[in-house]
């Protein structure tokens, strides 16, 4: 996003400089950093929905991972930023 903003001569808004890294959140709960979404789904005993790497299907699957982590009591916090 920073490169795209520079290319378009737009300023990068501060809220685009930090985010929640789902893999890090998953690792906080399981103590294992996952290689990808399929690993998280499998280890959380979740069924993969739709086609892998399909934008909307990936969103559904990531949402299911988030729900599973919340059900385990995880409180999400910002854990990624532009400099990490």
PDB file of N, CA and C in Angstrom:
ATOM      1  N   UNK A   1       0.806  -1.195   0.000  1.00  0.00           N
ATOM      2  CA  UNK A   1       0.000   0.000   0.000  1.00  0.00           C
ATOM      3  C   UNK A   1       0.854   1.266   0.000  1.00  0.00           C
ATOM      4  N   UNK A   2       1.957   1.315   0.777  1.00  0.00           N
ATOM      5  CA  UNK A   2       2.776   2.533   0.738  1.00  0.00           C
ATOM      6  C   UNK A   2       3.301   2.855  -0.662  1.00  0.00           C
ATOM      7  N   UNK A   3       3.736   1.829  -1.387  1.00  0.00           N
ATOM      8  CA  UNK A   3       4.245   2.059  -2.747  1.00  0.00           C
ATOM      9  C   UNK A   3       3.137   2.550  -3.671  1.00  0.00           C
ATOM     10  N   UNK A   4       1.942   1.978  -3.523  1.00  0.00           N
ATOM     11  CA  UNK A   4       0.810   2.394  -4.350  1.00  0.00           C
ATOM     12  C   UNK A   4       0.443   3.846  -4.065  1.00  0.00           C
ATOM     13  N   UNK A   5       0.449   4.230  -2.790  1.00  0.00           N
ATOM     14  CA  UNK A   5       0.147   5.621  -2.431  1.00  0.00           C
ATOM     15  C   UNK A   5       1.193   6.569  -3.006  1.00  0.00           C
ATOM     16  N   UNK A   6       2.448   6.182  -2.929  1.00  0.00           N
ATOM     17  CA  UNK A   6       3.515   7.007  -3.500  1.00  0.00           C
ATOM     18  C   UNK A   6       3.316   7.149  -5.001  1.00  0.00           C
ATOM     19  N   UNK A   7       3.037   6.036  -5.664  1.00  0.00           N
ATOM     20  CA  UNK A   7       2.818   6.041  -7.109  1.00  0.00           C
ATOM     21  C   UNK A   7       1.665   6.967  -7.492  1.00  0.00           C
ATOM     22  N   UNK A   8       0.606   6.945  -6.703  1.00  0.00           N
ATOM     23  CA  UNK A   8      -0.578   7.767  -6.984  1.00  0.00           C
ATOM     24  C   UNK A   8      -0.478   9.168  -6.385  1.00  0.00           C
ATOM     25  N   UNK A   9       0.651   9.445  -5.765  1.00  0.00           N
ATOM     26  CA  UNK A   9       0.893  10.735  -5.119  1.00  0.00           C
ATOM     27  C   UNK A   9      -0.160  11.038  -4.055  1.00  0.00           C
ATOM     28  N   UNK A  10      -0.472  10.017  -3.270  1.00  0.00           N
ATOM     29  CA  UNK A  10      -1.404  10.141  -2.152  1.00  0.00           C
ATOM     30  C   UNK A  10      -0.632   9.990  -0.847  1.00  0.00           C
ATOM     31  N   UNK A  11      -1.113  10.637   0.189  1.00  0.00           N
ATOM     32  CA  UNK A  11      -0.469  10.451   1.489  1.00  0.00           C
ATOM     33  C   UNK A  11      -1.017   9.175   2.134  1.00  0.00           C
ATOM     34  N   UNK A  12      -0.137   8.462   2.806  1.00  0.00           N
ATOM     35  CA  UNK A  12      -0.529   7.232   3.494  1.00  0.00           C
ATOM     36  C   UNK A  12      -1.137   7.612   4.843  1.00  0.00           C
ATOM     37  N   UNK A  13      -2.386   7.276   5.038  1.00  0.00           N
ATOM     38  CA  UNK A  13      -3.075   7.611   6.282  1.00  0.00           C
ATOM     39  C   UNK A  13      -2.546   6.740   7.429  1.00  0.00           C
ATOM     40  N   UNK A  14      -2.439   7.303   8.622  1.00  0.00           N
ATOM     41  CA  UNK A  14      -1.859   6.574   9.758  1.00  0.00           C
ATOM     42  C   UNK A  14      -2.533   5.237  10.058  1.00  0.00           C
ATOM     43  N   UNK A  15      -3.846   5.143   9.836  1.00  0.00           N
ATOM     44  CA  UNK A  15      -4.533   3.889  10.154  1.00  0.00           C
ATOM     45  C   UNK A  15      -4.136   2.747   9.218  1.00  0.00           C
ATOM     46  N   UNK A  16      -3.413   3.042   8.148  1.00  0.00           N
ATOM     47  CA  UNK A  16      -2.923   1.989   7.263  1.00  0.00           C
ATOM     48  C   UNK A  16      -1.523   1.521   7.645  1.00  0.00           C
ATOM     49  N   UNK A  17      -0.991   2.003   8.751  1.00  0.00           N
ATOM     50  CA  UNK A  17       0.372   1.643   9.140  1.00  0.00           C
ATOM     51  C   UNK A  17       0.412   0.603  10.249  1.00  0.00           C
ATOM     52  N   UNK A  18      -0.750   0.151  10.714  1.00  0.00           N
ATOM     53  CA  UNK A  18      -0.793  -0.903  11.725  1.00  0.00           C
ATOM     54  C   UNK A  18      -1.990  -1.812  11.470  1.00  0.00           C
ATOM     55  N   UNK A  19      -1.884  -3.045  11.936  1.00  0.00           N
ATOM     56  CA  UNK A  19      -2.924  -4.027  11.662  1.00  0.00           C
ATOM     57  C   UNK A  19      -2.805  -5.195  12.623  1.00  0.00           C
ATOM     58  N   UNK A  20      -3.721  -6.143  12.491  1.00  0.00           N
ATOM     59  CA  UNK A  20      -3.668  -7.398  13.241  1.00  0.00           C
ATOM     60  C   UNK A  20      -3.188  -8.473  12.277  1.00  0.00           C
ATOM     61  N   UNK A  21      -2.072  -9.105  12.620  1.00  0.00           N
ATOM     62  CA  UNK A  21      -1.530 -10.213  11.839  1.00  0.00           C
ATOM     63  C   UNK A  21      -2.155 -11.490  12.403  1.00  0.00           C
ATOM     64  N   UNK A  22      -3.033 -12.114  11.629  1.00  0.00           N
ATOM     65  CA  UNK A  22      -3.778 -13.278  12.104  1.00  0.00           C
ATOM     66  C   UNK A  22      -2.849 -14.433  12.449  1.00  0.00           C
ATOM     67  N   UNK A  23      -1.778 -14.599  11.689  1.00  0.00           N
ATOM     68  CA  UNK A  23      -0.833 -15.676  11.999  1.00  0.00           C
ATOM     69  C   UNK A  23      -0.189 -15.464  13.370  1.00  0.00           C
ATOM     70  N   UNK A  24       0.148 -14.227  13.703  1.00  0.00           N
ATOM     71  CA  UNK A  24       0.723 -13.945  15.024  1.00  0.00           C
ATOM     72  C   UNK A  24      -0.309 -14.192  16.118  1.00  0.00           C
ATOM     73  N   UNK A  25      -1.547 -13.808  15.870  1.00  0.00           N
ATOM     74  CA  UNK A  25      -2.614 -14.052  16.847  1.00  0.00           C
ATOM     75  C   UNK A  25      -2.795 -15.550  17.062  1.00  0.00           C
ATOM     76  N   UNK A  26      -2.796 -16.305  15.983  1.00  0.00           N
ATOM     77  CA  UNK A  26      -2.907 -17.762  16.062  1.00  0.00           C
ATOM     78  C   UNK A  26      -1.753 -18.327  16.891  1.00  0.00           C
ATOM     79  N   UNK A  27      -0.545 -17.826  16.649  1.00  0.00           N
ATOM     80  CA  UNK A  27       0.633 -18.292  17.393  1.00  0.00           C
ATOM     81  C   UNK A  27       0.525 -17.949  18.875  1.00  0.00           C
ATOM     82  N   UNK A  28      -0.089 -16.817  19.208  1.00  0.00           N
ATOM     83  CA  UNK A  28      -0.301 -16.470  20.617  1.00  0.00           C
ATOM     84  C   UNK A  28      -1.151 -17.527  21.316  1.00  0.00           C
ATOM     85  N   UNK A  29      -2.119 -18.076  20.604  1.00  0.00           N
ATOM     86  CA  UNK A  29      -3.035 -19.064  21.181  1.00  0.00           C
ATOM     87  C   UNK A  29      -2.419 -20.459  21.191  1.00  0.00           C
ATOM     88  N   UNK A  30      -1.751 -20.830  20.100  1.00  0.00           N
ATOM     89  CA  UNK A  30      -1.288 -22.214  19.939  1.00  0.00           C
ATOM     90  C   UNK A  30       0.197 -22.414  20.213  1.00  0.00           C
ATOM     91  N   UNK A  31       0.951 -21.345  20.306  1.00  0.00           N
ATOM     92  CA  UNK A  31       2.419 -21.385  20.461  1.00  0.00           C
ATOM     93  C   UNK A  31       3.124 -21.940  19.229  1.00  0.00           C
ATOM     94  N   UNK A  32       2.411 -21.980  18.104  1.00  0.00           N
ATOM     95  CA  UNK A  32       2.984 -22.443  16.834  1.00  0.00           C
ATOM     96  C   UNK A  32       2.668 -21.404  15.767  1.00  0.00           C
ATOM     97  N   UNK A  33       3.711 -20.919  15.068  1.00  0.00           N
ATOM     98  CA  UNK A  33       3.477 -19.965  13.983  1.00  0.00           C
ATOM     99  C   UNK A  33       3.112 -20.757  12.728  1.00  0.00           C
ATOM    100  N   UNK A  34       1.917 -20.527  12.167  1.00  0.00           N
ATOM    101  CA  UNK A  34       1.456 -21.332  11.031  1.00  0.00           C
ATOM    102  C   UNK A  34       2.103 -20.917   9.717  1.00  0.00           C
ATOM    103  N   UNK A  35       2.205 -21.873   8.807  1.00  0.00           N
ATOM    104  CA  UNK A  35       2.722 -21.568   7.467  1.00  0.00           C
ATOM    105  C   UNK A  35       1.663 -20.906   6.602  1.00  0.00           C
ATOM    106  N   UNK A  36       0.402 -21.147   6.897  1.00  0.00           N
ATOM    107  CA  UNK A  36      -0.648 -20.559   6.073  1.00  0.00           C
ATOM    108  C   UNK A  36      -2.031 -20.816   6.640  1.00  0.00           C
ATOM    109  N   UNK A  37      -3.014 -20.345   5.899  1.00  0.00           N
ATOM    110  CA  UNK A  37      -4.393 -20.444   6.338  1.00  0.00           C
ATOM    111  C   UNK A  37      -4.855 -21.893   6.476  1.00  0.00           C
ATOM    112  N   UNK A  38      -4.464 -22.754   5.541  1.00  0.00           N
ATOM    113  CA  UNK A  38      -4.903 -24.143   5.592  1.00  0.00           C
ATOM    114  C   UNK A  38      -4.410 -24.830   6.864  1.00  0.00           C
ATOM    115  N   UNK A  39      -3.204 -24.514   7.290  1.00  0.00           N
ATOM    116  CA  UNK A  39      -2.661 -25.080   8.529  1.00  0.00           C
ATOM    117  C   UNK A  39      -3.513 -24.637   9.715  1.00  0.00           C
ATOM    118  N   UNK A  40      -3.861 -23.354   9.747  1.00  0.00           N
ATOM    119  CA  UNK A  40      -4.693 -22.849  10.845  1.00  0.00           C
ATOM    120  C   UNK A  40      -6.051 -23.541  10.854  1.00  0.00           C
ATOM    121  N   UNK A  41      -6.677 -23.640   9.687  1.00  0.00           N
ATOM    122  CA  UNK A  41      -7.981 -24.298   9.603  1.00  0.00           C
ATOM    123  C   UNK A  41      -7.898 -25.739  10.084  1.00  0.00           C
ATOM    124  N   UNK A  42      -6.916 -26.475   9.583  1.00  0.00           N
ATOM    125  CA  UNK A  42      -6.776 -27.886   9.956  1.00  0.00           C
ATOM    126  C   UNK A  42      -6.532 -28.048  11.449  1.00  0.00           C
ATOM    127  N   UNK A  43      -5.624 -27.252  12.005  1.00  0.00           N
ATOM    128  CA  UNK A  43      -5.285 -27.386  13.420  1.00  0.00           C
ATOM    129  C   UNK A  43      -6.414 -26.946  14.344  1.00  0.00           C
ATOM    130  N   UNK A  44      -7.302 -26.099  13.852  1.00  0.00           N
ATOM    131  CA  UNK A  44      -8.463 -25.672  14.640  1.00  0.00           C
ATOM    132  C   UNK A  44      -9.694 -26.534  14.347  1.00  0.00           C
ATOM    133  N   UNK A  45      -9.489 -27.604  13.553  1.00  0.00           N
ATOM    134  CA  UNK A  45     -10.573 -28.516  13.164  1.00  0.00           C
ATOM    135  C   UNK A  45     -11.712 -27.793  12.459  1.00  0.00           C
ATOM    136  N   UNK A  46     -11.337 -26.865  11.581  1.00  0.00           N
ATOM    137  CA  UNK A  46     -12.316 -26.121  10.802  1.00  0.00           C
ATOM    138  C   UNK A  46     -12.305 -26.613   9.365  1.00  0.00           C
ATOM    139  N   UNK A  47     -13.474 -26.634   8.758  1.00  0.00           N
ATOM    140  CA  UNK A  47     -13.598 -27.057   7.368  1.00  0.00           C
ATOM    141  C   UNK A  47     -13.285 -25.880   6.448  1.00  0.00           C
ATOM    142  N   UNK A  48     -12.490 -26.135   5.426  1.00  0.00           N
ATOM    143  CA  UNK A  48     -12.194 -25.110   4.425  1.00  0.00           C
ATOM    144  C   UNK A  48     -13.445 -24.864   3.593  1.00  0.00           C
ATOM    145  N   UNK A  49     -13.761 -23.600   3.374  1.00  0.00           N
ATOM    146  CA  UNK A  49     -14.944 -23.210   2.610  1.00  0.00           C
ATOM    147  C   UNK A  49     -14.508 -22.648   1.264  1.00  0.00           C
ATOM    148  N   UNK A  50     -15.110 -23.140   0.173  1.00  0.00           N
ATOM    149  CA  UNK A  50     -14.867 -22.567  -1.154  1.00  0.00           C
ATOM    150  C   UNK A  50     -13.526 -22.940  -1.761  1.00  0.00           C
ATOM    151  N   UNK A  51     -13.042 -22.035  -2.633  1.00  0.00           N
ATOM    152  CA  UNK A  51     -11.775 -22.241  -3.343  1.00  0.00           C
ATOM    153  C   UNK A  51     -10.655 -21.519  -2.615  1.00  0.00           C
ATOM    154  N   UNK A  52      -9.523 -22.213  -2.467  1.00  0.00           N
ATOM    155  CA  UNK A  52      -8.344 -21.603  -1.850  1.00  0.00           C
ATOM    156  C   UNK A  52      -7.846 -20.471  -2.751  1.00  0.00           C
ATOM    157  N   UNK A  53      -7.498 -19.352  -2.161  1.00  0.00           N
ATOM    158  CA  UNK A  53      -7.014 -18.142  -2.840  1.00  0.00           C
ATOM    159  C   UNK A  53      -8.110 -17.399  -3.603  1.00  0.00           C
ATOM    160  N   UNK A  54      -9.367 -17.752  -3.370  1.00  0.00           N
ATOM    161  CA  UNK A  54     -10.473 -16.945  -3.879  1.00  0.00           C
ATOM    162  C   UNK A  54     -10.724 -15.880  -2.819  1.00  0.00           C
ATOM    163  N   UNK A  55     -10.691 -14.617  -3.205  1.00  0.00           N
ATOM    164  CA  UNK A  55     -10.775 -13.518  -2.250  1.00  0.00           C
ATOM    165  C   UNK A  55     -11.892 -13.647  -1.239  1.00  0.00           C
ATOM    166  N   UNK A  56     -13.122 -13.833  -1.694  1.00  0.00           N
ATOM    167  CA  UNK A  56     -14.257 -13.894  -0.770  1.00  0.00           C
ATOM    168  C   UNK A  56     -14.210 -15.164   0.065  1.00  0.00           C
ATOM    169  N   UNK A  57     -13.799 -16.274  -0.534  1.00  0.00           N
ATOM    170  CA  UNK A  57     -13.710 -17.527   0.217  1.00  0.00           C
ATOM    171  C   UNK A  57     -12.619 -17.444   1.278  1.00  0.00           C
ATOM    172  N   UNK A  58     -11.491 -16.832   0.943  1.00  0.00           N
ATOM    173  CA  UNK A  58     -10.427 -16.646   1.934  1.00  0.00           C
ATOM    174  C   UNK A  58     -10.923 -15.782   3.089  1.00  0.00           C
ATOM    175  N   UNK A  59     -11.728 -14.768   2.792  1.00  0.00           N
ATOM    176  CA  UNK A  59     -12.298 -13.921   3.851  1.00  0.00           C
ATOM    177  C   UNK A  59     -13.172 -14.740   4.793  1.00  0.00           C
ATOM    178  N   UNK A  60     -13.994 -15.623   4.239  1.00  0.00           N
ATOM    179  CA  UNK A  60     -14.850 -16.479   5.069  1.00  0.00           C
ATOM    180  C   UNK A  60     -13.997 -17.391   5.947  1.00  0.00           C
ATOM    181  N   UNK A  61     -12.964 -17.970   5.366  1.00  0.00           N
ATOM    182  CA  UNK A  61     -12.108 -18.883   6.117  1.00  0.00           C
ATOM    183  C   UNK A  61     -11.331 -18.158   7.210  1.00  0.00           C
ATOM    184  N   UNK A  62     -10.818 -16.982   6.908  1.00  0.00           N
ATOM    185  CA  UNK A  62     -10.100 -16.196   7.913  1.00  0.00           C
ATOM    186  C   UNK A  62     -11.052 -15.789   9.036  1.00  0.00           C
ATOM    187  N   UNK A  63     -12.271 -15.417   8.678  1.00  0.00           N
ATOM    188  CA  UNK A  63     -13.271 -15.074   9.700  1.00  0.00           C
ATOM    189  C   UNK A  63     -13.536 -16.267  10.612  1.00  0.00           C
ATOM    190  N   UNK A  64     -13.582 -17.462  10.041  1.00  0.00           N
ATOM    191  CA  UNK A  64     -13.792 -18.662  10.856  1.00  0.00           C
ATOM    192  C   UNK A  64     -12.619 -18.900  11.806  1.00  0.00           C
ATOM    193  N   UNK A  65     -11.402 -18.620  11.348  1.00  0.00           N
ATOM    194  CA  UNK A  65     -10.226 -18.723  12.221  1.00  0.00           C
ATOM    195  C   UNK A  65     -10.347 -17.709  13.356  1.00  0.00           C
ATOM    196  N   UNK A  66     -10.731 -16.475  13.023  1.00  0.00           N
ATOM    197  CA  UNK A  66     -10.896 -15.438  14.048  1.00  0.00           C
ATOM    198  C   UNK A  66     -11.923 -15.857  15.098  1.00  0.00           C
ATOM    199  N   UNK A  67     -13.037 -16.387  14.650  1.00  0.00           N
ATOM    200  CA  UNK A  67     -14.091 -16.831  15.572  1.00  0.00           C
ATOM    201  C   UNK A  67     -13.568 -17.932  16.484  1.00  0.00           C
ATOM    202  N   UNK A  68     -12.843 -18.888  15.909  1.00  0.00           N
ATOM    203  CA  UNK A  68     -12.292 -19.988  16.712  1.00  0.00           C
ATOM    204  C   UNK A  68     -11.316 -19.469  17.764  1.00  0.00           C
ATOM    205  N   UNK A  69     -10.498 -18.489  17.408  1.00  0.00           N
ATOM    206  CA  UNK A  69      -9.556 -17.918  18.374  1.00  0.00           C
ATOM    207  C   UNK A  69     -10.303 -17.164  19.474  1.00  0.00           C
ATOM    208  N   UNK A  70     -11.353 -16.427  19.101  1.00  0.00           N
ATOM    209  CA  UNK A  70     -12.161 -15.714  20.104  1.00  0.00           C
ATOM    210  C   UNK A  70     -12.842 -16.692  21.055  1.00  0.00           C
ATOM    211  N   UNK A  71     -13.315 -17.815  20.516  1.00  0.00           N
ATOM    212  CA  UNK A  71     -13.973 -18.819  21.357  1.00  0.00           C
ATOM    213  C   UNK A  71     -13.000 -19.426  22.361  1.00  0.00           C
ATOM    214  N   UNK A  72     -11.722 -19.336  22.069  1.00  0.00           N
ATOM    215  CA  UNK A  72     -10.687 -19.807  22.998  1.00  0.00           C
ATOM    216  C   UNK A  72     -10.248 -18.695  23.950  1.00  0.00           C
ATOM    217  N   UNK A  73     -10.942 -17.563  23.891  1.00  0.00           N
ATOM    218  CA  UNK A  73     -10.676 -16.480  24.818  1.00  0.00           C
ATOM    219  C   UNK A  73      -9.657 -15.456  24.363  1.00  0.00           C
ATOM    220  N   UNK A  74      -9.219 -15.554  23.124  1.00  0.00           N
ATOM    221  CA  UNK A  74      -8.201 -14.616  22.651  1.00  0.00           C
ATOM    222  C   UNK A  74      -8.796 -13.220  22.478  1.00  0.00           C
ATOM    223  N   UNK A  75      -8.073 -12.223  22.966  1.00  0.00           N
ATOM    224  CA  UNK A  75      -8.443 -10.821  22.785  1.00  0.00           C
ATOM    225  C   UNK A  75      -7.505 -10.248  21.729  1.00  0.00           C
ATOM    226  N   UNK A  76      -8.046  -9.831  20.613  1.00  0.00           N
ATOM    227  CA  UNK A  76      -7.224  -9.342  19.507  1.00  0.00           C
ATOM    228  C   UNK A  76      -6.660  -7.966  19.810  1.00  0.00           C
ATOM    229  N   UNK A  77      -5.424  -7.784  19.385  1.00  0.00           N
ATOM    230  CA  UNK A  77      -4.740  -6.506  19.541  1.00  0.00           C
ATOM    231  C   UNK A  77      -3.860  -6.270  18.325  1.00  0.00           C
ATOM    232  N   UNK A  78      -3.537  -5.025  18.080  1.00  0.00           N
ATOM    233  CA  UNK A  78      -2.639  -4.676  16.978  1.00  0.00           C
ATOM    234  C   UNK A  78      -1.294  -5.348  17.242  1.00  0.00           C
ATOM    235  N   UNK A  79      -0.815  -6.124  16.266  1.00  0.00           N
ATOM    236  CA  UNK A  79       0.450  -6.834  16.439  1.00  0.00           C
ATOM    237  C   UNK A  79       1.332  -6.776  15.192  1.00  0.00           C
ATOM    238  N   UNK A  80       0.991  -5.915  14.277  1.00  0.00           N
ATOM    239  CA  UNK A  80       1.799  -5.713  13.078  1.00  0.00           C
ATOM    240  C   UNK A  80       1.802  -4.245  12.716  1.00  0.00           C
ATOM    241  N   UNK A  81       2.903  -3.822  12.111  1.00  0.00           N
ATOM    242  CA  UNK A  81       2.971  -2.433  11.662  1.00  0.00           C
ATOM    243  C   UNK A  81       3.892  -2.319  10.466  1.00  0.00           C
ATOM    244  N   UNK A  82       3.947  -1.148   9.909  1.00  0.00           N
ATOM    245  CA  UNK A  82       4.698  -0.913   8.681  1.00  0.00           C
ATOM    246  C   UNK A  82       6.174  -1.237   8.836  1.00  0.00           C
ATOM    247  N   UNK A  83       6.695  -1.153  10.043  1.00  0.00           N
ATOM    248  CA  UNK A  83       8.116  -1.391  10.274  1.00  0.00           C
ATOM    249  C   UNK A  83       8.433  -2.813  10.700  1.00  0.00           C
ATOM    250  N   UNK A  84       7.406  -3.673  10.829  1.00  0.00           N
ATOM    251  CA  UNK A  84       7.674  -5.039  11.292  1.00  0.00           C
ATOM    252  C   UNK A  84       7.793  -6.012  10.148  1.00  0.00           C
TER     253      UNK A  84
END
